[in-house]
Amino acid sequence: MVNMAVNARVAMDGVGTLSLSKTGGCGIRMIRGHGRNAGPFVATSVADTGSGIPPERIARIFEPFFTTREVGKGTDLGSSDSPSSPAAMST
């Protein structure tokens, strides 16, 4: 979550608002044939009101080492490293 927040803040380039939120006491719906699990669980989210991702970059955002930062200016931990990213969910 920290990695996603840092990446969002850098990408926003000082414009917009970054929001982190959590919801407690949630249940989990049945996923991929697994039965419903007893809770409670916490759901977290990261959102921003920045300018968005340019269309020419959107197809690459879940590549493991994709970055728009200069060499030495980032961690190279892309969105695919987030356990809740679509790339991670499909494995």
N, C-alpha and C. Protein backbone atom coordinates (compact mmCIF):
# COMPACT_ATOMS: atom_id res chain seq x y z
N MET A 1 0.82 -1.18 0.00
CA MET A 1 0.00 0.00 0.00
C MET A 1 0.87 1.25 0.00
N VAL A 2 1.95 1.21 0.76
CA VAL A 2 2.86 2.35 0.79
C VAL A 2 3.45 2.57 -0.60
N ASN A 3 3.85 1.49 -1.28
CA ASN A 3 4.41 1.61 -2.62
C ASN A 3 3.39 2.25 -3.57
N MET A 4 2.14 1.82 -3.53
CA MET A 4 1.12 2.42 -4.39
C MET A 4 0.94 3.90 -4.08
N ALA A 5 0.94 4.26 -2.81
CA ALA A 5 0.76 5.65 -2.42
C ALA A 5 1.93 6.51 -2.89
N VAL A 6 3.15 6.02 -2.70
CA VAL A 6 4.33 6.77 -3.14
C VAL A 6 4.32 6.94 -4.66
N ASN A 7 4.01 5.86 -5.39
CA ASN A 7 3.95 5.95 -6.85
C ASN A 7 2.89 6.95 -7.30
N ALA A 8 1.74 6.95 -6.66
CA ALA A 8 0.68 7.89 -7.02
C ALA A 8 1.10 9.32 -6.73
N ARG A 9 1.69 9.54 -5.59
CA ARG A 9 2.13 10.89 -5.22
C ARG A 9 3.15 11.42 -6.22
N VAL A 10 4.13 10.60 -6.60
CA VAL A 10 5.14 11.03 -7.56
C VAL A 10 4.50 11.31 -8.92
N ALA A 11 3.61 10.41 -9.36
CA ALA A 11 2.97 10.58 -10.67
C ALA A 11 2.08 11.80 -10.72
N MET A 12 1.51 12.19 -9.59
CA MET A 12 0.61 13.34 -9.55
C MET A 12 1.36 14.66 -9.72
N ASP A 13 2.65 14.66 -9.46
CA ASP A 13 3.51 15.83 -9.67
C ASP A 13 2.95 17.08 -8.98
N GLY A 14 2.47 16.91 -7.75
CA GLY A 14 2.00 18.06 -6.97
C GLY A 14 0.61 18.55 -7.28
N VAL A 15 -0.12 17.86 -8.15
CA VAL A 15 -1.47 18.29 -8.53
C VAL A 15 -2.48 17.22 -8.12
N GLY A 16 -3.51 17.59 -7.40
CA GLY A 16 -4.54 16.64 -6.99
C GLY A 16 -4.42 16.24 -5.54
N THR A 17 -5.28 15.32 -5.15
CA THR A 17 -5.34 14.84 -3.77
C THR A 17 -5.18 13.33 -3.75
N LEU A 18 -4.36 12.83 -2.84
CA LEU A 18 -4.17 11.40 -2.65
C LEU A 18 -4.95 10.99 -1.41
N SER A 19 -5.79 9.96 -1.53
CA SER A 19 -6.61 9.49 -0.40
C SER A 19 -6.34 8.03 -0.11
N LEU A 20 -6.14 7.71 1.15
CA LEU A 20 -6.02 6.33 1.63
C LEU A 20 -7.22 6.09 2.53
N SER A 21 -7.87 4.95 2.37
CA SER A 21 -9.02 4.67 3.24
C SER A 21 -9.08 3.20 3.59
N LYS A 22 -9.83 2.91 4.64
CA LYS A 22 -10.04 1.52 5.05
C LYS A 22 -11.48 1.37 5.52
N THR A 23 -11.98 0.17 5.36
CA THR A 23 -13.30 -0.19 5.85
C THR A 23 -13.14 -1.45 6.68
N GLY A 24 -13.57 -1.43 7.90
CA GLY A 24 -13.41 -2.57 8.78
C GLY A 24 -14.67 -3.40 8.90
N GLY A 25 -14.50 -4.64 9.33
CA GLY A 25 -15.63 -5.51 9.59
C GLY A 25 -16.31 -6.06 8.35
N CYS A 26 -15.63 -6.04 7.23
CA CYS A 26 -16.23 -6.51 5.97
C CYS A 26 -16.18 -8.03 5.89
N GLY A 27 -17.13 -8.60 5.19
CA GLY A 27 -17.07 -10.00 4.83
C GLY A 27 -16.41 -10.13 3.47
N ILE A 28 -16.08 -11.33 3.07
CA ILE A 28 -15.49 -11.57 1.75
C ILE A 28 -16.45 -12.43 0.95
N ARG A 29 -16.74 -11.99 -0.27
CA ARG A 29 -17.63 -12.76 -1.13
C ARG A 29 -16.91 -13.99 -1.68
N MET A 30 -17.66 -14.93 -2.17
CA MET A 30 -17.09 -16.14 -2.73
C MET A 30 -16.31 -15.78 -4.01
N ILE A 31 -15.06 -16.23 -4.09
CA ILE A 31 -14.19 -15.91 -5.23
C ILE A 31 -13.60 -17.20 -5.78
N ARG A 32 -13.66 -17.34 -7.10
CA ARG A 32 -13.01 -18.46 -7.81
C ARG A 32 -13.30 -19.82 -7.17
N GLY A 33 -14.51 -20.04 -6.78
CA GLY A 33 -14.88 -21.34 -6.25
C GLY A 33 -14.55 -21.56 -4.78
N HIS A 34 -13.88 -20.61 -4.16
CA HIS A 34 -13.60 -20.73 -2.73
C HIS A 34 -14.83 -20.26 -1.96
N GLY A 35 -15.15 -20.99 -0.91
CA GLY A 35 -16.31 -20.62 -0.11
C GLY A 35 -16.11 -19.30 0.61
N ARG A 36 -17.20 -18.73 1.03
CA ARG A 36 -17.17 -17.48 1.79
C ARG A 36 -16.42 -17.71 3.09
N ASN A 37 -15.51 -16.81 3.42
CA ASN A 37 -14.71 -16.92 4.64
C ASN A 37 -15.34 -16.11 5.76
N ALA A 38 -15.19 -16.60 6.98
CA ALA A 38 -15.68 -15.84 8.13
C ALA A 38 -14.81 -14.60 8.31
N GLY A 39 -15.38 -13.50 8.69
CA GLY A 39 -14.65 -12.24 8.87
C GLY A 39 -14.25 -12.07 10.30
N PRO A 40 -13.99 -10.90 10.73
CA PRO A 40 -14.05 -9.68 9.92
C PRO A 40 -12.74 -9.46 9.16
N PHE A 41 -12.82 -8.71 8.08
CA PHE A 41 -11.68 -8.35 7.27
C PHE A 41 -11.63 -6.83 7.13
N VAL A 42 -10.50 -6.32 6.71
CA VAL A 42 -10.35 -4.89 6.45
C VAL A 42 -10.09 -4.71 4.96
N ALA A 43 -10.83 -3.82 4.33
CA ALA A 43 -10.62 -3.47 2.93
C ALA A 43 -9.92 -2.12 2.89
N THR A 44 -8.88 -2.01 2.07
CA THR A 44 -8.14 -0.76 1.94
C THR A 44 -8.21 -0.27 0.50
N SER A 45 -8.05 1.04 0.32
CA SER A 45 -8.02 1.59 -1.03
C SER A 45 -7.11 2.80 -1.10
N VAL A 46 -6.56 3.02 -2.29
CA VAL A 46 -5.74 4.19 -2.59
C VAL A 46 -6.39 4.84 -3.81
N ALA A 47 -6.65 6.13 -3.74
CA ALA A 47 -7.26 6.85 -4.86
C ALA A 47 -6.62 8.22 -4.98
N ASP A 48 -6.64 8.78 -6.19
CA ASP A 48 -6.13 10.13 -6.35
C ASP A 48 -6.96 10.88 -7.38
N THR A 49 -6.82 12.19 -7.35
CA THR A 49 -7.53 13.05 -8.31
C THR A 49 -6.54 13.69 -9.27
N GLY A 50 -5.43 13.01 -9.51
CA GLY A 50 -4.42 13.52 -10.44
C GLY A 50 -4.93 13.49 -11.87
N SER A 51 -4.05 13.79 -12.81
CA SER A 51 -4.44 13.92 -14.22
C SER A 51 -4.67 12.58 -14.92
N GLY A 52 -4.27 11.49 -14.31
CA GLY A 52 -4.48 10.18 -14.93
C GLY A 52 -3.27 9.70 -15.71
N ILE A 53 -3.37 8.50 -16.21
CA ILE A 53 -2.28 7.87 -16.96
C ILE A 53 -2.48 8.14 -18.44
N PRO A 54 -1.45 8.65 -19.12
CA PRO A 54 -1.58 8.90 -20.55
C PRO A 54 -1.90 7.61 -21.31
N PRO A 55 -2.75 7.68 -22.32
CA PRO A 55 -3.16 6.48 -23.06
C PRO A 55 -2.00 5.64 -23.59
N GLU A 56 -0.90 6.27 -23.98
CA GLU A 56 0.24 5.52 -24.53
C GLU A 56 0.98 4.71 -23.46
N ARG A 57 0.70 4.94 -22.19
CA ARG A 57 1.37 4.19 -21.12
C ARG A 57 0.46 3.16 -20.45
N ILE A 58 -0.82 3.25 -20.62
CA ILE A 58 -1.77 2.43 -19.87
C ILE A 58 -1.55 0.93 -20.07
N ALA A 59 -1.16 0.51 -21.26
CA ALA A 59 -0.96 -0.92 -21.52
C ALA A 59 0.24 -1.50 -20.78
N ARG A 60 1.14 -0.65 -20.29
CA ARG A 60 2.37 -1.14 -19.67
C ARG A 60 2.39 -1.05 -18.14
N ILE A 61 1.37 -0.50 -17.52
CA ILE A 61 1.48 -0.17 -16.10
C ILE A 61 1.63 -1.37 -15.17
N PHE A 62 1.27 -2.57 -15.62
CA PHE A 62 1.42 -3.74 -14.76
C PHE A 62 2.64 -4.59 -15.11
N GLU A 63 3.51 -4.06 -15.98
CA GLU A 63 4.78 -4.75 -16.24
C GLU A 63 5.63 -4.63 -14.97
N PRO A 64 6.31 -5.71 -14.58
CA PRO A 64 7.03 -5.71 -13.29
C PRO A 64 8.04 -4.57 -13.10
N PHE A 65 8.76 -4.16 -14.13
CA PHE A 65 9.79 -3.14 -13.94
C PHE A 65 9.53 -1.88 -14.75
N PHE A 66 8.29 -1.67 -15.17
CA PHE A 66 7.96 -0.47 -15.93
C PHE A 66 8.06 0.75 -15.03
N THR A 67 8.73 1.77 -15.51
CA THR A 67 8.84 3.02 -14.78
C THR A 67 8.97 4.18 -15.75
N THR A 68 8.56 5.33 -15.34
CA THR A 68 8.77 6.54 -16.13
C THR A 68 9.82 7.41 -15.45
N ARG A 69 10.38 6.92 -14.37
CA ARG A 69 11.38 7.68 -13.62
C ARG A 69 12.76 7.51 -14.24
N GLU A 70 13.62 8.49 -14.01
CA GLU A 70 14.99 8.41 -14.47
C GLU A 70 15.74 7.35 -13.67
N VAL A 71 16.84 6.83 -14.23
CA VAL A 71 17.66 5.85 -13.54
C VAL A 71 18.12 6.44 -12.20
N GLY A 72 17.95 5.65 -11.14
CA GLY A 72 18.33 6.09 -9.81
C GLY A 72 17.30 6.94 -9.09
N LYS A 73 16.15 7.18 -9.71
CA LYS A 73 15.12 8.04 -9.12
C LYS A 73 13.89 7.27 -8.65
N GLY A 74 13.97 5.95 -8.61
CA GLY A 74 12.80 5.18 -8.17
C GLY A 74 13.21 3.81 -7.70
N THR A 75 12.24 3.06 -7.19
CA THR A 75 12.51 1.73 -6.66
C THR A 75 12.36 0.64 -7.69
N ASP A 76 11.76 0.95 -8.85
CA ASP A 76 11.44 -0.04 -9.88
C ASP A 76 10.45 -1.08 -9.40
N LEU A 77 9.66 -0.75 -8.37
CA LEU A 77 8.58 -1.63 -7.93
C LEU A 77 7.31 -1.13 -8.59
N GLY A 78 6.92 -1.80 -9.65
CA GLY A 78 5.75 -1.36 -10.40
C GLY A 78 4.46 -1.83 -9.78
N SER A 79 3.35 -1.50 -10.42
CA SER A 79 2.03 -1.86 -9.91
C SER A 79 1.82 -3.36 -9.83
N SER A 80 2.57 -4.13 -10.63
CA SER A 80 2.40 -5.58 -10.58
C SER A 80 2.84 -6.17 -9.25
N ASP A 81 3.60 -5.42 -8.47
CA ASP A 81 4.07 -5.89 -7.18
C ASP A 81 3.03 -5.76 -6.09
N SER A 82 1.96 -5.07 -6.38
CA SER A 82 0.89 -4.93 -5.41
C SER A 82 0.04 -6.19 -5.40
N PRO A 83 -0.20 -6.80 -4.23
CA PRO A 83 -0.97 -8.03 -4.21
C PRO A 83 -2.41 -7.88 -4.68
N SER A 84 -2.92 -6.65 -4.75
CA SER A 84 -4.29 -6.46 -5.19
C SER A 84 -4.40 -5.95 -6.62
N SER A 85 -3.27 -5.93 -7.34
CA SER A 85 -3.30 -5.47 -8.72
C SER A 85 -3.93 -6.53 -9.61
N PRO A 86 -4.51 -6.14 -10.71
CA PRO A 86 -5.09 -7.13 -11.64
C PRO A 86 -4.06 -8.17 -12.09
N ALA A 87 -2.79 -7.74 -12.24
CA ALA A 87 -1.75 -8.69 -12.65
C ALA A 87 -1.55 -9.75 -11.58
N ALA A 88 -1.54 -9.36 -10.31
CA ALA A 88 -1.35 -10.31 -9.22
C ALA A 88 -2.57 -11.20 -9.05
N MET A 89 -3.76 -10.68 -9.28
CA MET A 89 -4.99 -11.44 -9.10
C MET A 89 -5.15 -12.53 -10.16
N SER A 90 -4.53 -12.35 -11.32
CA SER A 90 -4.71 -13.32 -12.40
C SER A 90 -3.77 -14.50 -12.27
N THR A 91 -2.89 -14.51 -11.28
CA THR A 91 -1.96 -15.63 -11.13
C THR A 91 -2.47 -16.65 -10.15
